[in-house]
Amino acid sequence: MVFGVAEITLAIIVGTLLAIVYSLRILVLMDRRIERIEEHIESVVERILKEELTIERKMSKKKR
């Protein structure tokens, strides 16, 4: 089979569209991963903040 210019151009266009769709899929997966990482960081920060507050309370009670 001999492909003409139209078939080759169509194949290039379809290949480019598939590459764009694949890239968008990867970007969505990365965004979800980053969102989960941010949630974990927020929970760690909340725990550290609670611990800091308890330490400050204990330190202020010792000074009195």
N, C-alpha and C. Protein backbone atom coordinates (compact mmCIF):
# COMPACT_ATOMS: atom_id res chain seq x y z
N MET A 1 0.83 -1.19 0.00
CA MET A 1 0.00 0.00 0.00
C MET A 1 0.87 1.25 0.00
N VAL A 2 0.52 2.15 -0.84
CA VAL A 2 1.22 3.42 -0.92
C VAL A 2 0.31 4.50 -0.33
N PHE A 3 0.84 5.21 0.64
CA PHE A 3 0.05 6.27 1.26
C PHE A 3 0.31 7.58 0.54
N GLY A 4 -0.75 8.34 0.39
CA GLY A 4 -0.62 9.64 -0.24
C GLY A 4 -0.36 10.72 0.80
N VAL A 5 -0.24 11.93 0.34
CA VAL A 5 0.03 13.07 1.21
C VAL A 5 -1.11 13.26 2.20
N ALA A 6 -2.35 13.04 1.78
CA ALA A 6 -3.51 13.24 2.65
C ALA A 6 -3.50 12.23 3.80
N GLU A 7 -3.18 10.98 3.50
CA GLU A 7 -3.15 9.95 4.55
C GLU A 7 -2.03 10.22 5.56
N ILE A 8 -0.87 10.63 5.06
CA ILE A 8 0.26 10.93 5.96
C ILE A 8 -0.06 12.13 6.84
N THR A 9 -0.66 13.15 6.25
CA THR A 9 -1.05 14.34 7.02
C THR A 9 -2.07 13.98 8.08
N LEU A 10 -3.05 13.16 7.72
CA LEU A 10 -4.07 12.72 8.67
C LEU A 10 -3.44 11.91 9.81
N ALA A 11 -2.49 11.05 9.47
CA ALA A 11 -1.81 10.25 10.50
C ALA A 11 -1.03 11.14 11.45
N ILE A 12 -0.38 12.18 10.92
CA ILE A 12 0.36 13.11 11.77
C ILE A 12 -0.59 13.87 12.69
N ILE A 13 -1.71 14.31 12.17
CA ILE A 13 -2.69 15.04 12.98
C ILE A 13 -3.25 14.15 14.09
N VAL A 14 -3.62 12.92 13.73
CA VAL A 14 -4.16 11.99 14.73
C VAL A 14 -3.10 11.67 15.78
N GLY A 15 -1.87 11.47 15.37
CA GLY A 15 -0.79 11.20 16.33
C GLY A 15 -0.56 12.36 17.27
N THR A 16 -0.62 13.58 16.75
CA THR A 16 -0.46 14.77 17.58
C THR A 16 -1.60 14.89 18.59
N LEU A 17 -2.82 14.64 18.14
CA LEU A 17 -3.97 14.70 19.06
C LEU A 17 -3.86 13.64 20.15
N LEU A 18 -3.42 12.45 19.80
CA LEU A 18 -3.24 11.40 20.82
C LEU A 18 -2.15 11.79 21.82
N ALA A 19 -1.10 12.42 21.35
CA ALA A 19 -0.04 12.87 22.26
C ALA A 19 -0.55 13.94 23.21
N ILE A 20 -1.40 14.84 22.71
CA ILE A 20 -1.97 15.89 23.56
C ILE A 20 -2.88 15.28 24.62
N VAL A 21 -3.71 14.32 24.22
CA VAL A 21 -4.61 13.66 25.17
C VAL A 21 -3.81 12.93 26.24
N TYR A 22 -2.75 12.24 25.84
CA TYR A 22 -1.91 11.52 26.80
C TYR A 22 -1.25 12.49 27.77
N SER A 23 -0.76 13.62 27.25
CA SER A 23 -0.13 14.62 28.11
C SER A 23 -1.12 15.19 29.12
N LEU A 24 -2.33 15.45 28.67
CA LEU A 24 -3.35 15.96 29.59
C LEU A 24 -3.68 14.93 30.67
N ARG A 25 -3.69 13.68 30.31
CA ARG A 25 -3.95 12.61 31.29
C ARG A 25 -2.84 12.60 32.35
N ILE A 26 -1.61 12.70 31.91
CA ILE A 26 -0.48 12.73 32.85
C ILE A 26 -0.57 13.96 33.74
N LEU A 27 -0.93 15.11 33.18
CA LEU A 27 -1.06 16.33 33.98
C LEU A 27 -2.15 16.19 35.05
N VAL A 28 -3.26 15.56 34.70
CA VAL A 28 -4.34 15.36 35.68
C VAL A 28 -3.86 14.44 36.80
N LEU A 29 -3.15 13.38 36.45
CA LEU A 29 -2.64 12.47 37.48
C LEU A 29 -1.64 13.18 38.40
N MET A 30 -0.77 14.01 37.82
CA MET A 30 0.19 14.76 38.63
C MET A 30 -0.52 15.76 39.54
N ASP A 31 -1.57 16.39 39.03
CA ASP A 31 -2.32 17.35 39.83
C ASP A 31 -2.96 16.66 41.03
N ARG A 32 -3.52 15.48 40.81
CA ARG A 32 -4.11 14.73 41.93
C ARG A 32 -3.06 14.35 42.96
N ARG A 33 -1.89 13.94 42.48
CA ARG A 33 -0.80 13.57 43.39
C ARG A 33 -0.35 14.76 44.22
N ILE A 34 -0.21 15.91 43.57
CA ILE A 34 0.20 17.13 44.27
C ILE A 34 -0.86 17.53 45.30
N GLU A 35 -2.13 17.37 44.93
CA GLU A 35 -3.20 17.70 45.87
C GLU A 35 -3.12 16.83 47.12
N ARG A 36 -2.86 15.53 46.93
CA ARG A 36 -2.72 14.64 48.09
C ARG A 36 -1.52 15.04 48.95
N ILE A 37 -0.42 15.40 48.30
CA ILE A 37 0.76 15.83 49.05
C ILE A 37 0.45 17.09 49.86
N GLU A 38 -0.27 18.03 49.27
CA GLU A 38 -0.64 19.26 49.98
C GLU A 38 -1.54 18.95 51.18
N GLU A 39 -2.45 18.01 51.02
CA GLU A 39 -3.32 17.62 52.15
C GLU A 39 -2.49 17.04 53.29
N HIS A 40 -1.51 16.20 52.95
CA HIS A 40 -0.65 15.62 53.99
C HIS A 40 0.17 16.71 54.68
N ILE A 41 0.67 17.65 53.91
CA ILE A 41 1.45 18.75 54.50
C ILE A 41 0.57 19.56 55.44
N GLU A 42 -0.67 19.83 55.04
CA GLU A 42 -1.58 20.59 55.90
C GLU A 42 -1.85 19.86 57.21
N SER A 43 -2.03 18.54 57.15
CA SER A 43 -2.29 17.79 58.38
C SER A 43 -1.07 17.82 59.29
N VAL A 44 0.13 17.72 58.71
CA VAL A 44 1.35 17.77 59.51
C VAL A 44 1.50 19.14 60.16
N VAL A 45 1.22 20.19 59.40
CA VAL A 45 1.32 21.55 59.94
C VAL A 45 0.33 21.75 61.08
N GLU A 46 -0.87 21.22 60.93
CA GLU A 46 -1.87 21.34 62.01
C GLU A 46 -1.39 20.64 63.27
N ARG A 47 -0.81 19.44 63.12
CA ARG A 47 -0.31 18.72 64.29
C ARG A 47 0.84 19.48 64.95
N ILE A 48 1.73 20.03 64.15
CA ILE A 48 2.86 20.79 64.69
C ILE A 48 2.36 22.04 65.41
N LEU A 49 1.37 22.71 64.83
CA LEU A 49 0.81 23.91 65.45
C LEU A 49 0.18 23.58 66.80
N LYS A 50 -0.55 22.48 66.88
CA LYS A 50 -1.13 22.07 68.16
C LYS A 50 -0.04 21.80 69.19
N GLU A 51 1.01 21.11 68.76
CA GLU A 51 2.11 20.81 69.67
C GLU A 51 2.81 22.09 70.12
N GLU A 52 3.00 23.02 69.22
CA GLU A 52 3.62 24.30 69.57
C GLU A 52 2.78 25.06 70.59
N LEU A 53 1.47 25.04 70.41
CA LEU A 53 0.59 25.72 71.36
C LEU A 53 0.66 25.09 72.74
N THR A 54 0.70 23.77 72.80
CA THR A 54 0.80 23.13 74.11
C THR A 54 2.14 23.45 74.77
N ILE A 55 3.20 23.48 73.98
CA ILE A 55 4.52 23.81 74.54
C ILE A 55 4.54 25.25 75.05
N GLU A 56 3.96 26.17 74.29
CA GLU A 56 3.91 27.57 74.74
C GLU A 56 3.11 27.70 76.02
N ARG A 57 2.02 27.00 76.13
CA ARG A 57 1.20 27.05 77.36
C ARG A 57 2.00 26.54 78.55
N LYS A 58 2.70 25.42 78.36
CA LYS A 58 3.48 24.85 79.45
C LYS A 58 4.63 25.79 79.84
N MET A 59 5.24 26.42 78.87
CA MET A 59 6.35 27.33 79.16
C MET A 59 5.85 28.57 79.91
N SER A 60 4.69 29.07 79.52
CA SER A 60 4.16 30.26 80.19
C SER A 60 3.75 29.93 81.63
N LYS A 61 3.28 28.73 81.89
CA LYS A 61 2.89 28.32 83.24
C LYS A 61 4.13 28.18 84.12
N LYS A 62 5.26 27.72 83.54
CA LYS A 62 6.49 27.55 84.31
C LYS A 62 7.10 28.89 84.72
N LYS A 63 6.92 29.89 83.89
CA LYS A 63 7.49 31.21 84.17
C LYS A 63 6.76 31.91 85.32
N ARG A 64 5.54 31.58 85.55
CA ARG A 64 4.76 32.24 86.61
C ARG A 64 5.08 31.72 87.94
